[in-house]
Amino acid sequence: MMKPLYLKFESKNNAESVLLSNGFKRDEAGGLHSDSVLIDVIGVIPGKLVVDSQGNIVSQGADLPGWHVNLLVPDDYVIQPPNAVVTVATPVRKWAGY
């Protein structure tokens, strides 16, 4: 069985450091991958847009803090160290079926 982890890191560098120390590898394109974990790098989540009645963007709110990464992991998987990340309670993007 698999479980989703919706994570927020302090920065992209922090995310890469923690994930590499948890067995992820860097591919030829510079992305991260794992043989047993699926990864969805979201990155910075832009703030909400305010649009007028014609659909024109009037303003945009501040970006949400942090660097966001979704993982789909085996049930017994635990990120080490556990305090390296924040688990997001209301993720903006989720794994289908979870």
PDB file of N, CA and C in Angstrom:
ATOM      1  N   MET A   1       0.841  -1.188   0.000  1.00  0.00           N
ATOM      2  CA  MET A   1       0.000   0.000   0.000  1.00  0.00           C
ATOM      3  C   MET A   1       0.885   1.250   0.000  1.00  0.00           C
ATOM      4  N   MET A   2       0.300   2.316  -0.494  1.00  0.00           N
ATOM      5  CA  MET A   2       1.006   3.595  -0.573  1.00  0.00           C
ATOM      6  C   MET A   2       0.219   4.646   0.204  1.00  0.00           C
ATOM      7  N   LYS A   3       0.925   5.699   0.601  1.00  0.00           N
ATOM      8  CA  LYS A   3       0.283   6.824   1.282  1.00  0.00           C
ATOM      9  C   LYS A   3       0.865   8.117   0.711  1.00  0.00           C
ATOM     10  N   PRO A   4       0.059   9.188   0.678  1.00  0.00           N
ATOM     11  CA  PRO A   4       0.566  10.465   0.197  1.00  0.00           C
ATOM     12  C   PRO A   4       1.215  11.254   1.323  1.00  0.00           C
ATOM     13  N   LEU A   5       2.265  11.976   0.984  1.00  0.00           N
ATOM     14  CA  LEU A   5       2.859  12.962   1.887  1.00  0.00           C
ATOM     15  C   LEU A   5       2.847  14.293   1.151  1.00  0.00           C
ATOM     16  N   TYR A   6       2.234  15.299   1.755  1.00  0.00           N
ATOM     17  CA  TYR A   6       2.175  16.640   1.183  1.00  0.00           C
ATOM     18  C   TYR A   6       3.078  17.512   2.042  1.00  0.00           C
ATOM     19  N   LEU A   7       4.209  17.920   1.484  1.00  0.00           N
ATOM     20  CA  LEU A   7       5.279  18.512   2.285  1.00  0.00           C
ATOM     21  C   LEU A   7       5.586  19.948   1.886  1.00  0.00           C
ATOM     22  N   LYS A   8       6.003  20.722   2.887  1.00  0.00           N
ATOM     23  CA  LYS A   8       6.470  22.090   2.665  1.00  0.00           C
ATOM     24  C   LYS A   8       7.853  22.220   3.282  1.00  0.00           C
ATOM     25  N   PHE A   9       8.804  22.640   2.471  1.00  0.00           N
ATOM     26  CA  PHE A   9      10.179  22.864   2.908  1.00  0.00           C
ATOM     27  C   PHE A   9      10.441  24.364   2.965  1.00  0.00           C
ATOM     28  N   GLU A  10      11.531  24.749   3.628  1.00  0.00           N
ATOM     29  CA  GLU A  10      11.898  26.162   3.704  1.00  0.00           C
ATOM     30  C   GLU A  10      12.256  26.726   2.336  1.00  0.00           C
ATOM     31  N   SER A  11      12.895  25.912   1.493  1.00  0.00           N
ATOM     32  CA  SER A  11      13.373  26.385   0.193  1.00  0.00           C
ATOM     33  C   SER A  11      13.593  25.189  -0.728  1.00  0.00           C
ATOM     34  N   LYS A  12      13.862  25.473  -2.000  1.00  0.00           N
ATOM     35  CA  LYS A  12      14.185  24.417  -2.959  1.00  0.00           C
ATOM     36  C   LYS A  12      15.451  23.686  -2.525  1.00  0.00           C
ATOM     37  N   ASN A  13      16.469  24.442  -2.107  1.00  0.00           N
ATOM     38  CA  ASN A  13      17.725  23.814  -1.671  1.00  0.00           C
ATOM     39  C   ASN A  13      17.504  22.910  -0.469  1.00  0.00           C
ATOM     40  N   ASN A  14      16.679  23.361   0.483  1.00  0.00           N
ATOM     41  CA  ASN A  14      16.364  22.556   1.659  1.00  0.00           C
ATOM     42  C   ASN A  14      15.649  21.271   1.248  1.00  0.00           C
ATOM     43  N   ALA A  15      14.684  21.377   0.330  1.00  0.00           N
ATOM     44  CA  ALA A  15      13.949  20.197  -0.145  1.00  0.00           C
ATOM     45  C   ALA A  15      14.902  19.198  -0.791  1.00  0.00           C
ATOM     46  N   GLU A  16      15.756  19.683  -1.681  1.00  0.00           N
ATOM     47  CA  GLU A  16      16.687  18.784  -2.364  1.00  0.00           C
ATOM     48  C   GLU A  16      17.644  18.123  -1.383  1.00  0.00           C
ATOM     49  N   SER A  17      18.131  18.874  -0.420  1.00  0.00           N
ATOM     50  CA  SER A  17      19.051  18.327   0.576  1.00  0.00           C
ATOM     51  C   SER A  17      18.391  17.204   1.378  1.00  0.00           C
ATOM     52  N   VAL A  18      17.175  17.460   1.871  1.00  0.00           N
ATOM     53  CA  VAL A  18      16.467  16.456   2.668  1.00  0.00           C
ATOM     54  C   VAL A  18      16.140  15.231   1.818  1.00  0.00           C
ATOM     55  N   LEU A  19      15.640  15.444   0.608  1.00  0.00           N
ATOM     56  CA  LEU A  19      15.259  14.308  -0.233  1.00  0.00           C
ATOM     57  C   LEU A  19      16.476  13.492  -0.661  1.00  0.00           C
ATOM     58  N   LEU A  20      17.574  14.148  -1.008  1.00  0.00           N
ATOM     59  CA  LEU A  20      18.795  13.411  -1.364  1.00  0.00           C
ATOM     60  C   LEU A  20      19.304  12.590  -0.180  1.00  0.00           C
ATOM     61  N   SER A  21      19.175  13.131   1.035  1.00  0.00           N
ATOM     62  CA  SER A  21      19.616  12.383   2.216  1.00  0.00           C
ATOM     63  C   SER A  21      18.653  11.248   2.568  1.00  0.00           C
ATOM     64  N   ASN A  22      17.473  11.231   1.915  1.00  0.00           N
ATOM     65  CA  ASN A  22      16.492  10.164   2.120  1.00  0.00           C
ATOM     66  C   ASN A  22      16.458   9.186   0.950  1.00  0.00           C
ATOM     67  N   GLY A  23      17.553   9.125   0.183  1.00  0.00           N
ATOM     68  CA  GLY A  23      17.682   8.108  -0.845  1.00  0.00           C
ATOM     69  C   GLY A  23      17.273   8.508  -2.250  1.00  0.00           C
ATOM     70  N   PHE A  24      16.801   9.737  -2.438  1.00  0.00           N
ATOM     71  CA  PHE A  24      16.490  10.185  -3.793  1.00  0.00           C
ATOM     72  C   PHE A  24      17.787  10.375  -4.562  1.00  0.00           C
ATOM     73  N   LYS A  25      17.712  10.243  -5.870  1.00  0.00           N
ATOM     74  CA  LYS A  25      18.863  10.424  -6.758  1.00  0.00           C
ATOM     75  C   LYS A  25      18.550  11.559  -7.725  1.00  0.00           C
ATOM     76  N   ARG A  26      19.612  12.190  -8.226  1.00  0.00           N
ATOM     77  CA  ARG A  26      19.445  13.241  -9.221  1.00  0.00           C
ATOM     78  C   ARG A  26      19.573  12.613 -10.611  1.00  0.00           C
ATOM     79  N   ASP A  27      18.628  12.940 -11.510  1.00  0.00           N
ATOM     80  CA  ASP A  27      18.701  12.401 -12.871  1.00  0.00           C
ATOM     81  C   ASP A  27      19.512  13.329 -13.775  1.00  0.00           C
ATOM     82  N   GLU A  28      19.662  12.948 -15.050  1.00  0.00           N
ATOM     83  CA  GLU A  28      20.489  13.709 -15.988  1.00  0.00           C
ATOM     84  C   GLU A  28      19.985  15.136 -16.170  1.00  0.00           C
ATOM     85  N   ALA A  29      18.676  15.336 -16.050  1.00  0.00           N
ATOM     86  CA  ALA A  29      18.085  16.662 -16.231  1.00  0.00           C
ATOM     87  C   ALA A  29      18.145  17.507 -14.960  1.00  0.00           C
ATOM     88  N   GLY A  30      18.660  16.935 -13.865  1.00  0.00           N
ATOM     89  CA  GLY A  30      18.754  17.672 -12.610  1.00  0.00           C
ATOM     90  C   GLY A  30      17.584  17.473 -11.672  1.00  0.00           C
ATOM     91  N   GLY A  31      16.574  16.712 -12.105  1.00  0.00           N
ATOM     92  CA  GLY A  31      15.434  16.428 -11.247  1.00  0.00           C
ATOM     93  C   GLY A  31      15.744  15.315 -10.265  1.00  0.00           C
ATOM     94  N   LEU A  32      14.838  15.107  -9.322  1.00  0.00           N
ATOM     95  CA  LEU A  32      15.010  14.057  -8.321  1.00  0.00           C
ATOM     96  C   LEU A  32      14.089  12.886  -8.636  1.00  0.00           C
ATOM     97  N   HIS A  33      14.551  11.677  -8.333  1.00  0.00           N
ATOM     98  CA  HIS A  33      13.730  10.485  -8.524  1.00  0.00           C
ATOM     99  C   HIS A  33      14.097   9.443  -7.478  1.00  0.00           C
ATOM    100  N   SER A  34      13.193   8.473  -7.338  1.00  0.00           N
ATOM    101  CA  SER A  34      13.399   7.358  -6.415  1.00  0.00           C
ATOM    102  C   SER A  34      12.768   6.120  -7.038  1.00  0.00           C
ATOM    103  N   ASP A  35      13.335   4.962  -6.755  1.00  0.00           N
ATOM    104  CA  ASP A  35      12.769   3.716  -7.273  1.00  0.00           C
ATOM    105  C   ASP A  35      11.472   3.329  -6.571  1.00  0.00           C
ATOM    106  N   SER A  36      11.274   3.780  -5.328  1.00  0.00           N
ATOM    107  CA  SER A  36      10.112   3.337  -4.555  1.00  0.00           C
ATOM    108  C   SER A  36       9.133   4.451  -4.204  1.00  0.00           C
ATOM    109  N   VAL A  37       9.443   5.691  -4.583  1.00  0.00           N
ATOM    110  CA  VAL A  37       8.616   6.840  -4.214  1.00  0.00           C
ATOM    111  C   VAL A  37       8.318   7.659  -5.464  1.00  0.00           C
ATOM    112  N   LEU A  38       7.049   8.060  -5.621  1.00  0.00           N
ATOM    113  CA  LEU A  38       6.684   8.986  -6.692  1.00  0.00           C
ATOM    114  C   LEU A  38       6.795  10.406  -6.155  1.00  0.00           C
ATOM    115  N   ILE A  39       7.283  11.330  -6.985  1.00  0.00           N
ATOM    116  CA  ILE A  39       7.486  12.703  -6.544  1.00  0.00           C
ATOM    117  C   ILE A  39       6.794  13.667  -7.501  1.00  0.00           C
ATOM    118  N   ASP A  40       6.145  14.668  -6.936  1.00  0.00           N
ATOM    119  CA  ASP A  40       5.508  15.752  -7.682  1.00  0.00           C
ATOM    120  C   ASP A  40       6.027  17.050  -7.079  1.00  0.00           C
ATOM    121  N   VAL A  41       6.982  17.680  -7.750  1.00  0.00           N
ATOM    122  CA  VAL A  41       7.553  18.929  -7.254  1.00  0.00           C
ATOM    123  C   VAL A  41       6.643  20.067  -7.699  1.00  0.00           C
ATOM    124  N   ILE A  42       6.046  20.741  -6.740  1.00  0.00           N
ATOM    125  CA  ILE A  42       5.158  21.862  -7.025  1.00  0.00           C
ATOM    126  C   ILE A  42       5.941  23.165  -6.990  1.00  0.00           C
ATOM    127  N   GLY A  43       6.851  23.274  -6.037  1.00  0.00           N
ATOM    128  CA  GLY A  43       7.643  24.492  -5.904  1.00  0.00           C
ATOM    129  C   GLY A  43       6.876  25.570  -5.170  1.00  0.00           C
ATOM    130  N   VAL A  44       7.012  26.796  -5.642  1.00  0.00           N
ATOM    131  CA  VAL A  44       6.317  27.935  -5.035  1.00  0.00           C
ATOM    132  C   VAL A  44       4.873  27.934  -5.528  1.00  0.00           C
ATOM    133  N   ILE A  45       3.946  28.135  -4.614  1.00  0.00           N
ATOM    134  CA  ILE A  45       2.529  28.211  -4.976  1.00  0.00           C
ATOM    135  C   ILE A  45       2.148  29.685  -5.052  1.00  0.00           C
ATOM    136  N   PRO A  46       1.731  30.150  -6.245  1.00  0.00           N
ATOM    137  CA  PRO A  46       1.390  31.562  -6.394  1.00  0.00           C
ATOM    138  C   PRO A  46       0.155  31.941  -5.587  1.00  0.00           C
ATOM    139  N   GLY A  47       0.106  33.214  -5.193  1.00  0.00           N
ATOM    140  CA  GLY A  47      -1.047  33.728  -4.462  1.00  0.00           C
ATOM    141  C   GLY A  47      -2.287  33.763  -5.341  1.00  0.00           C
ATOM    142  N   LYS A  48      -3.427  33.928  -4.696  1.00  0.00           N
ATOM    143  CA  LYS A  48      -4.702  33.939  -5.419  1.00  0.00           C
ATOM    144  C   LYS A  48      -4.817  35.180  -6.292  1.00  0.00           C
ATOM    145  N   LEU A  49      -5.417  34.978  -7.458  1.00  0.00           N
ATOM    146  CA  LEU A  49      -5.644  36.077  -8.387  1.00  0.00           C
ATOM    147  C   LEU A  49      -6.988  36.726  -8.109  1.00  0.00           C
ATOM    148  N   VAL A  50      -7.045  38.041  -8.254  1.00  0.00           N
ATOM    149  CA  VAL A  50      -8.302  38.780  -8.214  1.00  0.00           C
ATOM    150  C   VAL A  50      -8.561  39.238  -9.639  1.00  0.00           C
ATOM    151  N   VAL A  51      -9.727  38.861 -10.182  1.00  0.00           N
ATOM    152  CA  VAL A  51     -10.062  39.223 -11.558  1.00  0.00           C
ATOM    153  C   VAL A  51     -11.329  40.070 -11.583  1.00  0.00           C
ATOM    154  N   ASP A  52     -11.426  40.922 -12.604  1.00  0.00           N
ATOM    155  CA  ASP A  52     -12.632  41.737 -12.744  1.00  0.00           C
ATOM    156  C   ASP A  52     -13.693  40.952 -13.512  1.00  0.00           C
ATOM    157  N   SER A  53     -14.825  41.587 -13.776  1.00  0.00           N
ATOM    158  CA  SER A  53     -15.951  40.906 -14.420  1.00  0.00           C
ATOM    159  C   SER A  53     -15.637  40.461 -15.848  1.00  0.00           C
ATOM    160  N   GLN A  54     -14.593  41.040 -16.460  1.00  0.00           N
ATOM    161  CA  GLN A  54     -14.212  40.660 -17.817  1.00  0.00           C
ATOM    162  C   GLN A  54     -13.089  39.620 -17.831  1.00  0.00           C
ATOM    163  N   GLY A  55     -12.675  39.184 -16.656  1.00  0.00           N
ATOM    164  CA  GLY A  55     -11.637  38.166 -16.563  1.00  0.00           C
ATOM    165  C   GLY A  55     -10.224  38.703 -16.556  1.00  0.00           C
ATOM    166  N   ASN A  56     -10.084  40.022 -16.467  1.00  0.00           N
ATOM    167  CA  ASN A  56      -8.754  40.624 -16.406  1.00  0.00           C
ATOM    168  C   ASN A  56      -8.196  40.527 -14.991  1.00  0.00           C
ATOM    169  N   ILE A  57      -6.916  40.240 -14.885  1.00  0.00           N
ATOM    170  CA  ILE A  57      -6.279  40.155 -13.573  1.00  0.00           C
ATOM    171  C   ILE A  57      -6.123  41.557 -13.004  1.00  0.00           C
ATOM    172  N   VAL A  58      -6.696  41.764 -11.819  1.00  0.00           N
ATOM    173  CA  VAL A  58      -6.617  43.050 -11.133  1.00  0.00           C
ATOM    174  C   VAL A  58      -5.427  43.058 -10.182  1.00  0.00           C
ATOM    175  N   SER A  59      -5.252  41.961  -9.451  1.00  0.00           N
ATOM    176  CA  SER A  59      -4.128  41.857  -8.516  1.00  0.00           C
ATOM    177  C   SER A  59      -3.876  40.386  -8.201  1.00  0.00           C
ATOM    178  N   GLN A  60      -2.748  40.153  -7.570  1.00  0.00           N
ATOM    179  CA  GLN A  60      -2.397  38.799  -7.147  1.00  0.00           C
ATOM    180  C   GLN A  60      -1.900  38.863  -5.720  1.00  0.00           C
ATOM    181  N   GLY A  61      -2.402  37.949  -4.886  1.00  0.00           N
ATOM    182  CA  GLY A  61      -1.953  37.867  -3.507  1.00  0.00           C
ATOM    183  C   GLY A  61      -0.527  37.360  -3.425  1.00  0.00           C
ATOM    184  N   ALA A  62       0.025  37.454  -2.245  1.00  0.00           N
ATOM    185  CA  ALA A  62       1.401  36.991  -2.015  1.00  0.00           C
ATOM    186  C   ALA A  62       1.492  35.479  -2.219  1.00  0.00           C
ATOM    187  N   ASP A  63       2.643  35.026  -2.722  1.00  0.00           N
ATOM    188  CA  ASP A  63       2.886  33.591  -2.865  1.00  0.00           C
ATOM    189  C   ASP A  63       2.814  32.923  -1.499  1.00  0.00           C
ATOM    190  N   LEU A  64       2.357  31.665  -1.475  1.00  0.00           N
ATOM    191  CA  LEU A  64       2.355  30.913  -0.224  1.00  0.00           C
ATOM    192  C   LEU A  64       3.799  30.612   0.161  1.00  0.00           C
ATOM    193  N   PRO A  65       4.110  30.647   1.443  1.00  0.00           N
ATOM    194  CA  PRO A  65       5.496  30.426   1.862  1.00  0.00           C
ATOM    195  C   PRO A  65       5.955  28.992   1.623  1.00  0.00           C
ATOM    196  N   GLY A  66       7.246  28.833   1.375  1.00  0.00           N
ATOM    197  CA  GLY A  66       7.850  27.512   1.292  1.00  0.00           C
ATOM    198  C   GLY A  66       7.960  26.962  -0.117  1.00  0.00           C
ATOM    199  N   TRP A  67       8.590  25.791  -0.197  1.00  0.00           N
ATOM    200  CA  TRP A  67       8.779  25.024  -1.433  1.00  0.00           C
ATOM    201  C   TRP A  67       8.020  23.725  -1.245  1.00  0.00           C
ATOM    202  N   HIS A  68       7.040  23.459  -2.090  1.00  0.00           N
ATOM    203  CA  HIS A  68       6.094  22.371  -1.883  1.00  0.00           C
ATOM    204  C   HIS A  68       6.415  21.163  -2.757  1.00  0.00           C
ATOM    205  N   VAL A  69       6.345  19.978  -2.135  1.00  0.00           N
ATOM    206  CA  VAL A  69       6.630  18.712  -2.810  1.00  0.00           C
ATOM    207  C   VAL A  69       5.623  17.676  -2.316  1.00  0.00           C
ATOM    208  N   ASN A  70       5.013  16.964  -3.249  1.00  0.00           N
ATOM    209  CA  ASN A  70       4.130  15.855  -2.899  1.00  0.00           C
ATOM    210  C   ASN A  70       4.855  14.546  -3.176  1.00  0.00           C
ATOM    211  N   LEU A  71       4.741  13.613  -2.242  1.00  0.00           N
ATOM    212  CA  LEU A  71       5.326  12.282  -2.411  1.00  0.00           C
ATOM    213  C   LEU A  71       4.226  11.238  -2.273  1.00  0.00           C
ATOM    214  N   LEU A  72       4.330  10.157  -3.024  1.00  0.00           N
ATOM    215  CA  LEU A  72       3.490   8.981  -2.834  1.00  0.00           C
ATOM    216  C   LEU A  72       4.445   7.865  -2.445  1.00  0.00           C
ATOM    217  N   VAL A  73       4.335   7.420  -1.186  1.00  0.00           N
ATOM    218  CA  VAL A  73       5.357   6.577  -0.572  1.00  0.00           C
ATOM    219  C   VAL A  73       4.756   5.277  -0.037  1.00  0.00           C
ATOM    220  N   PRO A  74       5.585   4.233   0.155  1.00  0.00           N
ATOM    221  CA  PRO A  74       5.110   3.028   0.842  1.00  0.00           C
ATOM    222  C   PRO A  74       4.631   3.387   2.256  1.00  0.00           C
ATOM    223  N   ASP A  75       3.659   2.627   2.757  1.00  0.00           N
ATOM    224  CA  ASP A  75       3.064   2.917   4.065  1.00  0.00           C
ATOM    225  C   ASP A  75       4.082   3.056   5.191  1.00  0.00           C
ATOM    226  N   ASP A  76       5.194   2.320   5.129  1.00  0.00           N
ATOM    227  CA  ASP A  76       6.168   2.359   6.223  1.00  0.00           C
ATOM    228  C   ASP A  76       7.252   3.425   6.025  1.00  0.00           C
ATOM    229  N   TYR A  77       7.133   4.248   5.003  1.00  0.00           N
ATOM    230  CA  TYR A  77       8.143   5.268   4.692  1.00  0.00           C
ATOM    231  C   TYR A  77       8.045   6.438   5.673  1.00  0.00           C
ATOM    232  N   VAL A  78       9.198   6.890   6.167  1.00  0.00           N
ATOM    233  CA  VAL A  78       9.260   8.049   7.067  1.00  0.00           C
ATOM    234  C   VAL A  78      10.415   8.934   6.615  1.00  0.00           C
ATOM    235  N   ILE A  79      10.144  10.211   6.433  1.00  0.00           N
ATOM    236  CA  ILE A  79      11.201  11.179   6.091  1.00  0.00           C
ATOM    237  C   ILE A  79      12.093  11.362   7.314  1.00  0.00           C
ATOM    238  N   GLN A  80      13.397  11.388   7.101  1.00  0.00           N
ATOM    239  CA  GLN A  80      14.363  11.614   8.183  1.00  0.00           C
ATOM    240  C   GLN A  80      15.181  12.868   7.892  1.00  0.00           C
ATOM    241  N   PRO A  81      15.436  13.732   8.824  1.00  0.00           N
ATOM    242  CA  PRO A  81      14.805  13.747  10.142  1.00  0.00           C
ATOM    243  C   PRO A  81      13.367  14.238  10.027  1.00  0.00           C
ATOM    244  N   PRO A  82      12.469  13.747  10.881  1.00  0.00           N
ATOM    245  CA  PRO A  82      11.047  14.077  10.766  1.00  0.00           C
ATOM    246  C   PRO A  82      10.756  15.572  10.891  1.00  0.00           C
ATOM    247  N   ASN A  83      11.580  16.295  11.617  1.00  0.00           N
ATOM    248  CA  ASN A  83      11.329  17.730  11.803  1.00  0.00           C
ATOM    249  C   ASN A  83      11.882  18.574  10.657  1.00  0.00           C
ATOM    250  N   ALA A  84      12.370  17.940   9.590  1.00  0.00           N
ATOM    251  CA  ALA A  84      12.955  18.666   8.461  1.00  0.00           C
ATOM    252  C   ALA A  84      11.891  19.282   7.562  1.00  0.00           C
ATOM    253  N   VAL A  85      10.655  18.825   7.685  1.00  0.00           N
ATOM    254  CA  VAL A  85       9.591  19.297   6.807  1.00  0.00           C
ATOM    255  C   VAL A  85       8.317  19.551   7.602  1.00  0.00           C
ATOM    256  N   VAL A  86       7.411  20.295   6.981  1.00  0.00           N
ATOM    257  CA  VAL A  86       6.081  20.517   7.532  1.00  0.00           C
ATOM    258  C   VAL A  86       5.100  19.752   6.651  1.00  0.00           C
ATOM    259  N   THR A  87       4.198  19.003   7.261  1.00  0.00           N
ATOM    260  CA  THR A  87       3.157  18.322   6.501  1.00  0.00           C
ATOM    261  C   THR A  87       2.019  19.306   6.276  1.00  0.00           C
ATOM    262  N   VAL A  88       1.620  19.475   5.031  1.00  0.00           N
ATOM    263  CA  VAL A  88       0.584  20.437   4.663  1.00  0.00           C
ATOM    264  C   VAL A  88      -0.785  19.831   4.948  1.00  0.00           C
ATOM    265  N   ALA A  89      -1.615  20.560   5.716  1.00  0.00           N
ATOM    266  CA  ALA A  89      -2.936  20.058   6.091  1.00  0.00           C
ATOM    267  C   ALA A  89      -3.943  20.182   4.946  1.00  0.00           C
ATOM    268  N   THR A  90      -3.822  21.227   4.136  1.00  0.00           N
ATOM    269  CA  THR A  90      -4.752  21.451   3.028  1.00  0.00           C
ATOM    270  C   THR A  90      -3.963  21.662   1.737  1.00  0.00           C
ATOM    271  N   PRO A  91      -3.481  20.575   1.127  1.00  0.00           N
ATOM    272  CA  PRO A  91      -2.659  20.708  -0.076  1.00  0.00           C
ATOM    273  C   PRO A  91      -3.431  21.323  -1.244  1.00  0.00           C
ATOM    274  N   VAL A  92      -2.718  22.090  -2.048  1.00  0.00           N
ATOM    275  CA  VAL A  92      -3.304  22.713  -3.232  1.00  0.00           C
ATOM    276  C   VAL A  92      -3.484  21.683  -4.343  1.00  0.00           C
ATOM    277  N   ARG A  93      -2.569  20.724  -4.414  1.00  0.00           N
ATOM    278  CA  ARG A  93      -2.625  19.668  -5.432  1.00  0.00           C
ATOM    279  C   ARG A  93      -2.440  18.337  -4.722  1.00  0.00           C
ATOM    280  N   LYS A  94      -3.291  17.346  -5.071  1.00  0.00           N
ATOM    281  CA  LYS A  94      -3.248  16.037  -4.418  1.00  0.00           C
ATOM    282  C   LYS A  94      -3.026  14.932  -5.442  1.00  0.00           C
ATOM    283  N   TRP A  95      -2.581  13.770  -4.926  1.00  0.00           N
ATOM    284  CA  TRP A  95      -2.485  12.573  -5.750  1.00  0.00           C
ATOM    285  C   TRP A  95      -3.896  12.067  -6.025  1.00  0.00           C
ATOM    286  N   ALA A  96      -4.185  11.671  -7.249  1.00  0.00           N
ATOM    287  CA  ALA A  96      -5.502  11.131  -7.600  1.00  0.00           C
ATOM    288  C   ALA A  96      -5.792   9.898  -6.749  1.00  0.00           C
ATOM    289  N   GLY A  97      -6.981   9.847  -6.190  1.00  0.00           N
ATOM    290  CA  GLY A  97      -7.387   8.699  -5.396  1.00  0.00           C
ATOM    291  C   GLY A  97      -6.977   8.757  -3.937  1.00  0.00           C
ATOM    292  N   TYR A  98      -6.290   9.841  -3.512  1.00  0.00           N
ATOM    293  CA  TYR A  98      -5.846   9.949  -2.115  1.00  0.00           C
ATOM    294  C   TYR A  98      -6.389  11.202  -1.470  1.00  0.00           C
TER     295      TYR A  98
END
